[in-house]
Protein backbone atom coordinates (compact mmCIF):
# COMPACT_ATOMS: atom_id res chain seq x y z
CA UNK A 1 103.83 5.70 -6.84
CA UNK A 2 103.31 9.83 -5.09
CA UNK A 3 102.45 12.22 -8.07
CA UNK A 4 99.60 14.71 -9.00
CA UNK A 5 98.53 17.98 -7.20
CA UNK A 6 97.47 19.15 -3.79
CA UNK A 7 95.85 22.41 -3.27
CA UNK A 8 97.13 23.58 0.24
CA UNK A 9 94.40 25.73 2.12
CA UNK A 10 95.51 27.77 5.11
CA UNK A 11 92.48 29.94 6.60
CA UNK A 12 94.23 33.12 8.28
CA UNK A 13 93.50 34.39 11.08
CA UNK A 14 95.21 36.88 13.49
CA UNK A 15 97.41 34.30 12.38
CA UNK A 16 99.79 37.56 10.01
CA UNK A 17 102.46 36.08 12.17
CA UNK A 18 102.76 32.40 11.09
CA UNK A 19 102.32 32.33 7.51
CA UNK A 20 105.99 32.82 7.05
CA UNK A 21 106.57 29.43 9.65
CA UNK A 22 103.98 27.71 7.61
CA UNK A 23 104.19 27.79 4.24
CA UNK A 24 108.16 27.60 4.76
CA UNK A 25 107.36 23.96 6.11
CA UNK A 26 104.33 23.68 3.54
CA UNK A 27 106.86 24.13 0.75
CA UNK A 28 109.46 21.73 2.03
CA UNK A 29 106.78 18.40 2.90
CA UNK A 30 106.44 17.76 -0.09
CA UNK A 31 109.04 16.41 -3.02
CA UNK A 32 106.72 14.80 -5.35
CA UNK A 33 103.60 17.10 -5.95
CA UNK A 34 102.53 20.55 -7.64
CA UNK A 35 101.84 23.04 -5.02
CA UNK A 36 99.29 25.51 -5.02
CA UNK A 37 99.09 27.63 -2.18
CA UNK A 38 95.49 29.04 -0.63
CA UNK A 39 95.72 31.72 2.07
CA UNK A 40 92.07 33.17 3.09
CA UNK A 41 91.68 35.94 4.90
CA UNK A 42 88.60 35.52 7.63
CA UNK A 43 88.78 39.67 7.45
CA UNK A 44 91.71 39.56 9.78
CA UNK A 45 92.57 42.17 11.28
CA UNK A 46 95.93 41.82 10.95
CA UNK A 47 97.82 42.18 7.75
CA UNK A 48 97.24 38.47 6.55
CA UNK A 49 97.40 40.35 2.92
CA UNK A 50 101.23 41.41 3.31
CA UNK A 51 102.43 38.24 5.04
CA UNK A 52 101.33 36.85 1.77
CA UNK A 53 102.88 39.39 -0.22
CA UNK A 54 106.09 38.59 1.85
CA UNK A 55 106.12 34.88 1.24
CA UNK A 56 105.39 35.23 -3.01
CA UNK A 57 105.81 32.20 -4.76
CA UNK A 58 102.52 29.97 -5.63
CA UNK A 59 100.32 31.24 -2.66
CA UNK A 60 97.12 32.89 -3.57
CA UNK A 61 94.97 34.77 -1.81
CA UNK A 62 90.94 34.21 -0.94
CA UNK A 63 89.88 37.50 1.65
CA UNK A 64 86.06 36.09 2.83
CA UNK A 65 85.91 40.36 2.85
CA UNK A 66 83.95 39.57 6.14
CA UNK A 67 84.42 36.29 9.16
CA UNK A 68 82.95 33.28 7.46
CA UNK A 69 83.91 31.42 10.56
CA UNK A 70 85.84 28.36 9.34
CA UNK A 71 84.38 25.64 7.89
CA UNK A 72 83.38 28.15 5.52
CA UNK A 73 86.73 29.67 4.68
CA UNK A 74 88.10 25.74 4.54
CA UNK A 75 85.27 24.93 1.69
CA UNK A 76 85.39 28.26 -0.13
CA UNK A 77 89.72 27.86 -0.17
CA UNK A 78 88.84 24.09 -1.90
CA UNK A 79 86.89 25.79 -4.27
CA UNK A 80 89.53 28.05 -5.58
CA UNK A 81 92.23 25.27 -4.56
CA UNK A 82 93.78 23.12 -8.30
CA UNK A 83 94.34 19.49 -8.12
CA UNK A 84 93.17 16.63 -6.95
CA UNK A 85 93.48 16.73 -3.43
CA UNK A 86 93.39 19.60 -0.84
CA UNK A 87 95.74 19.71 2.42
CA UNK A 88 94.00 21.72 5.14
CA UNK A 89 97.10 23.09 7.21
CA UNK A 90 96.13 25.28 10.46
CA UNK A 91 98.93 28.72 10.37
CA UNK A 92 100.68 27.61 13.48
CA UNK A 93 100.65 24.34 11.99
CA UNK A 94 103.75 23.12 10.57
CA UNK A 95 104.20 20.12 8.41
CA UNK A 96 107.60 17.26 8.71
CA UNK A 97 109.17 16.88 5.02
CA UNK A 98 107.56 14.62 3.22
CA UNK A 99 105.45 14.35 4.84
CA UNK A 100 102.33 16.19 2.62
CA UNK A 101 103.97 13.06 0.43
CA UNK A 102 102.69 10.54 2.47
CA UNK A 103 99.21 11.64 2.95
CA UNK A 104 98.57 11.31 -1.01
CA UNK A 105 100.41 7.82 -0.87
CA UNK A 106 98.22 7.12 1.57
CA UNK A 107 95.11 8.57 -0.83
CA UNK A 108 96.31 6.47 -3.36
CA UNK A 109 97.28 3.32 -1.94
CA UNK A 110 93.71 2.93 0.08
CA UNK A 111 91.39 4.89 -2.53
CA UNK A 112 88.72 3.79 0.15
CA UNK A 113 88.01 6.58 2.13
CA UNK A 114 87.53 10.16 2.47
CA UNK A 115 89.64 11.79 4.90
CA UNK A 116 93.29 11.34 5.42
CA UNK A 117 94.84 12.84 8.91
CA UNK A 118 99.11 12.76 10.01
CA UNK A 119 99.32 12.96 13.89
CA UNK A 120 99.81 16.23 15.64
CA UNK A 121 102.93 17.16 18.08
CA UNK A 122 103.12 19.65 20.65
CA UNK A 123 106.76 21.35 19.33
CA UNK A 124 108.48 19.25 22.29
CA UNK A 125 107.58 15.94 20.08
CA UNK A 126 104.31 14.60 22.35
CA UNK A 127 101.58 13.33 20.00
CA UNK A 128 98.24 15.26 19.64
CA UNK A 129 95.67 13.24 21.28
CA UNK A 130 93.24 14.84 19.42
CA UNK A 131 94.48 14.78 16.17
CA UNK A 132 92.22 11.18 15.63
CA UNK A 133 88.62 10.87 18.13
CA UNK A 134 86.23 9.09 19.49
CA UNK A 135 82.96 10.26 18.02
CA UNK A 136 80.37 11.51 20.68
CA UNK A 137 78.79 9.11 22.47
CA UNK A 138 76.32 9.25 26.40
CA UNK A 139 79.70 7.50 27.52
CA UNK A 140 82.23 9.85 26.91
CA UNK A 141 80.02 12.96 28.63
CA UNK A 142 79.33 10.80 31.80
CA UNK A 143 83.01 10.21 32.15
CA UNK A 144 83.42 14.19 31.66
CA UNK A 145 80.73 15.24 34.22
CA UNK A 146 82.12 12.74 36.45
CA UNK A 147 85.14 13.53 36.54
CA UNK A 148 86.36 9.61 35.40
CA UNK A 149 88.12 10.58 32.21
CA UNK A 150 90.78 13.50 33.72
CA UNK A 151 91.09 11.49 37.02
CA UNK A 152 92.09 7.61 34.74
CA UNK A 153 92.88 9.53 31.08
CA UNK A 154 93.64 7.36 28.24
CA UNK A 155 91.74 4.50 29.53
CA UNK A 156 89.55 3.04 27.05
CA UNK A 157 87.00 3.08 29.70
CA UNK A 158 86.98 6.30 31.35
CA UNK A 159 88.31 8.20 28.83
CA UNK A 160 86.58 7.17 25.32
CA UNK A 161 86.95 10.59 23.52
CA UNK A 162 90.77 9.70 23.15
CA UNK A 163 91.23 5.95 21.91
CA UNK A 164 92.47 4.04 25.04
CA UNK A 165 95.32 5.61 25.15
CA UNK A 166 96.13 4.41 21.79
CA UNK A 167 99.62 5.74 20.82
CA UNK A 168 99.16 6.78 17.11
CA UNK A 169 101.81 5.25 15.93
CA UNK A 170 100.28 2.90 13.68
CA UNK A 171 98.44 3.35 10.29
CA UNK A 172 94.34 2.87 10.80
CA UNK A 173 90.74 4.14 10.08
CA UNK A 174 89.72 6.00 13.18
CA UNK A 175 86.33 6.98 13.81
CA UNK A 176 87.18 10.48 13.37
CA UNK A 177 89.77 12.45 12.80
CA UNK A 178 91.65 16.58 13.24
CA UNK A 179 91.02 19.68 9.80
CA UNK A 180 94.17 20.67 11.76
CA UNK A 181 96.55 18.56 8.75
CA UNK A 182 94.12 16.87 6.40
CA UNK A 183 94.41 15.49 2.89
CA UNK A 184 90.86 14.90 0.96
CA UNK A 185 90.23 14.21 -2.53
CA UNK A 186 88.87 17.13 -4.26
CA UNK A 187 86.16 16.68 -6.49
CA UNK A 188 84.74 14.34 -3.28
CA UNK A 189 85.22 17.09 -0.53
CA UNK A 190 83.18 19.46 -2.72
CA UNK A 191 80.88 16.13 -3.71
CA UNK A 192 80.30 15.78 -0.39
CA UNK A 193 79.40 18.92 0.36
CA UNK A 194 82.40 20.67 2.64
CA UNK A 195 82.44 21.06 6.17
CA UNK A 196 78.92 22.54 7.28
CA UNK A 197 78.94 26.01 7.64
CA UNK A 198 76.71 25.91 10.57
CA UNK A 199 79.72 25.39 12.41
CA UNK A 200 82.27 28.26 13.09
CA UNK A 201 85.04 27.14 15.07
CA UNK A 202 85.23 23.18 16.47
CA UNK A 203 83.92 20.07 15.76
CA UNK A 204 83.25 20.89 12.34
CA UNK A 205 86.22 18.34 11.51
CA UNK A 206 84.79 15.49 13.84
CA UNK A 207 80.99 16.07 11.75
CA UNK A 208 82.52 15.15 8.79
CA UNK A 209 84.54 12.37 9.59
CA UNK A 210 80.91 10.51 10.58
CA UNK A 211 79.46 11.66 7.44
CA UNK A 212 82.59 10.15 5.88
CA UNK A 213 81.91 6.66 7.78
CA UNK A 214 78.70 7.19 7.37
CA UNK A 215 79.14 6.84 3.76
CA UNK A 216 80.94 4.03 3.99
CA UNK A 217 84.33 5.87 3.62
CA UNK A 218 86.09 6.23 6.92
CA UNK A 219 89.47 8.15 7.66
CA UNK A 220 92.93 6.92 7.63
CA UNK A 221 95.21 8.58 10.11
CA UNK A 222 98.75 7.89 8.46
CA UNK A 223 101.16 8.58 10.86
CA UNK A 224 104.53 7.77 8.97
CA UNK A 225 102.49 11.99 8.23
CA UNK A 226 102.93 14.44 10.79
CA UNK A 227 102.96 18.20 11.95
CA UNK A 228 104.68 19.92 14.51
CA UNK A 229 101.40 21.99 16.13
CA UNK A 230 102.34 25.68 17.90
CA UNK A 231 99.20 26.71 19.81
CA UNK A 232 96.56 28.86 18.52
CA UNK A 233 97.31 32.56 17.85
CA UNK A 234 93.37 33.57 17.11
CA UNK A 235 92.40 33.24 20.20
CA UNK A 236 92.51 32.97 24.74
CA UNK A 237 92.16 30.19 26.32
CA UNK A 238 89.37 30.78 27.96
CA UNK A 239 88.16 32.26 24.16
CA UNK A 240 88.83 28.91 23.41
CA UNK A 241 87.39 26.81 25.53
CA UNK A 242 84.47 28.38 24.77
CA UNK A 243 84.38 27.87 21.62
CA UNK A 244 85.04 24.50 21.27
CA UNK A 245 82.13 23.99 24.28
CA UNK A 246 80.06 25.57 21.48
CA UNK A 247 81.05 23.80 18.69
CA UNK A 248 80.73 20.12 20.73
CA UNK A 249 76.68 21.70 21.30
CA UNK A 250 76.07 22.34 17.88
CA UNK A 251 77.72 18.60 17.09
CA UNK A 252 74.21 17.31 19.76
CA UNK A 253 71.99 19.31 17.93
CA UNK A 254 72.67 19.15 14.60
CA UNK A 255 73.27 15.25 15.04
CA UNK A 256 71.42 13.81 17.85
CA UNK A 257 67.90 13.24 19.28
CA UNK A 258 66.51 15.25 21.69
CA UNK A 259 66.71 13.67 24.64
CA UNK A 260 70.00 12.70 24.39
CA UNK A 261 71.02 16.14 23.14
CA UNK A 262 69.50 17.87 26.39
CA UNK A 263 71.65 14.31 28.48
CA UNK A 264 74.44 15.20 26.56
CA UNK A 265 74.36 18.75 27.77
CA UNK A 266 74.03 18.74 31.40
CA UNK A 267 76.78 16.15 31.72
CA UNK A 268 78.99 18.35 29.87
CA UNK A 269 77.22 21.39 32.00
CA UNK A 270 78.01 19.19 35.38
CA UNK A 271 82.17 18.09 33.80
CA UNK A 272 82.09 21.89 33.72
CA UNK A 273 80.89 22.66 36.89
CA UNK A 274 83.02 20.96 38.79
CA UNK A 275 85.88 22.77 36.71
CA UNK A 276 85.32 25.52 38.21
CA UNK A 277 84.92 25.31 41.21
CA UNK A 278 88.34 22.86 40.71
CA UNK A 279 89.75 25.48 39.66
CA UNK A 280 88.75 28.11 41.81
CA UNK A 281 89.48 26.08 45.49
CA UNK A 282 93.77 25.83 43.55
CA UNK A 283 93.27 28.98 42.47
CA UNK A 284 94.75 27.50 38.96
CA UNK A 285 93.79 29.35 36.09
CA UNK A 286 90.51 30.67 34.63
CA UNK A 287 89.00 28.46 31.66
CA UNK A 288 86.48 26.89 32.83
CA UNK A 289 85.48 29.50 35.72
CA UNK A 290 84.93 31.62 32.29
CA UNK A 291 83.36 28.94 30.31
CA UNK A 292 80.55 28.30 33.34
CA UNK A 293 80.50 31.87 33.15
CA UNK A 294 79.00 32.00 29.53
CA UNK A 295 77.30 28.55 29.38
CA UNK A 296 73.90 30.45 28.19
CA UNK A 297 76.53 30.88 25.27
CA UNK A 298 77.97 28.19 24.41
CA UNK A 299 75.17 25.88 25.29
CA UNK A 300 73.21 26.97 22.30
CA UNK A 301 76.02 26.20 19.71
CA UNK A 302 76.78 28.15 17.34
């Protein structure tokens, strides 16, 4: 059943060393569709151009000229791509054989969705819960602030963001999906405005998922498609935590009323403060202490 052409978009920033492995796996992730691979260089300080030249073949380079952010780079790649579909793949992701075929097949079998996402697993085979999630809610932030989501992980009541510990082992409609390994119909994606470029990094995929649900085309999770995630090379753990929080704050600013947003930001700050204090006492890690020191940055969003 699978047919057509897929434009694969890989956004590169400080990830030149990852590109050869990523593109090799992309090429092996399909036997049935044509590929048009586009690498978008977000003004990375490393040699992205040389890395693209080294892999050769059907790979084109789009140079942004500045670090425009992940959302803007994805949109530029989608615009430049050729095909019925666009598949966004993080440079540190390794799609498994047949995975792109599985996403295209799902899109053809179930055309009533805008976004089609696969399983994202760690190199040791553990499923990353974040490959799909609930949309942000006030109760989620209450659980974060009080530590309930840490004390009772993967439970429906106290860790709602992770969808109650569901094992990501069956195909189903979900509230939100990750952009790490994501298929969309190109024309529908562009008509929907693509990713909201007010997000520099993080939560742009959650925002797009929300818009897909509101348009009656909710995301579909496809477990037969999977990619191994080698963890980000473009930012440190401390920097990533701050950027994730900035993405969350941006989502609140753009989508929640002022009273709800104020409460949610206070709850986020409380949760970060508790984790910063706990890590200081236990002398384990510094990312939450850094996040607490940088709270004036991330509470303002992007």
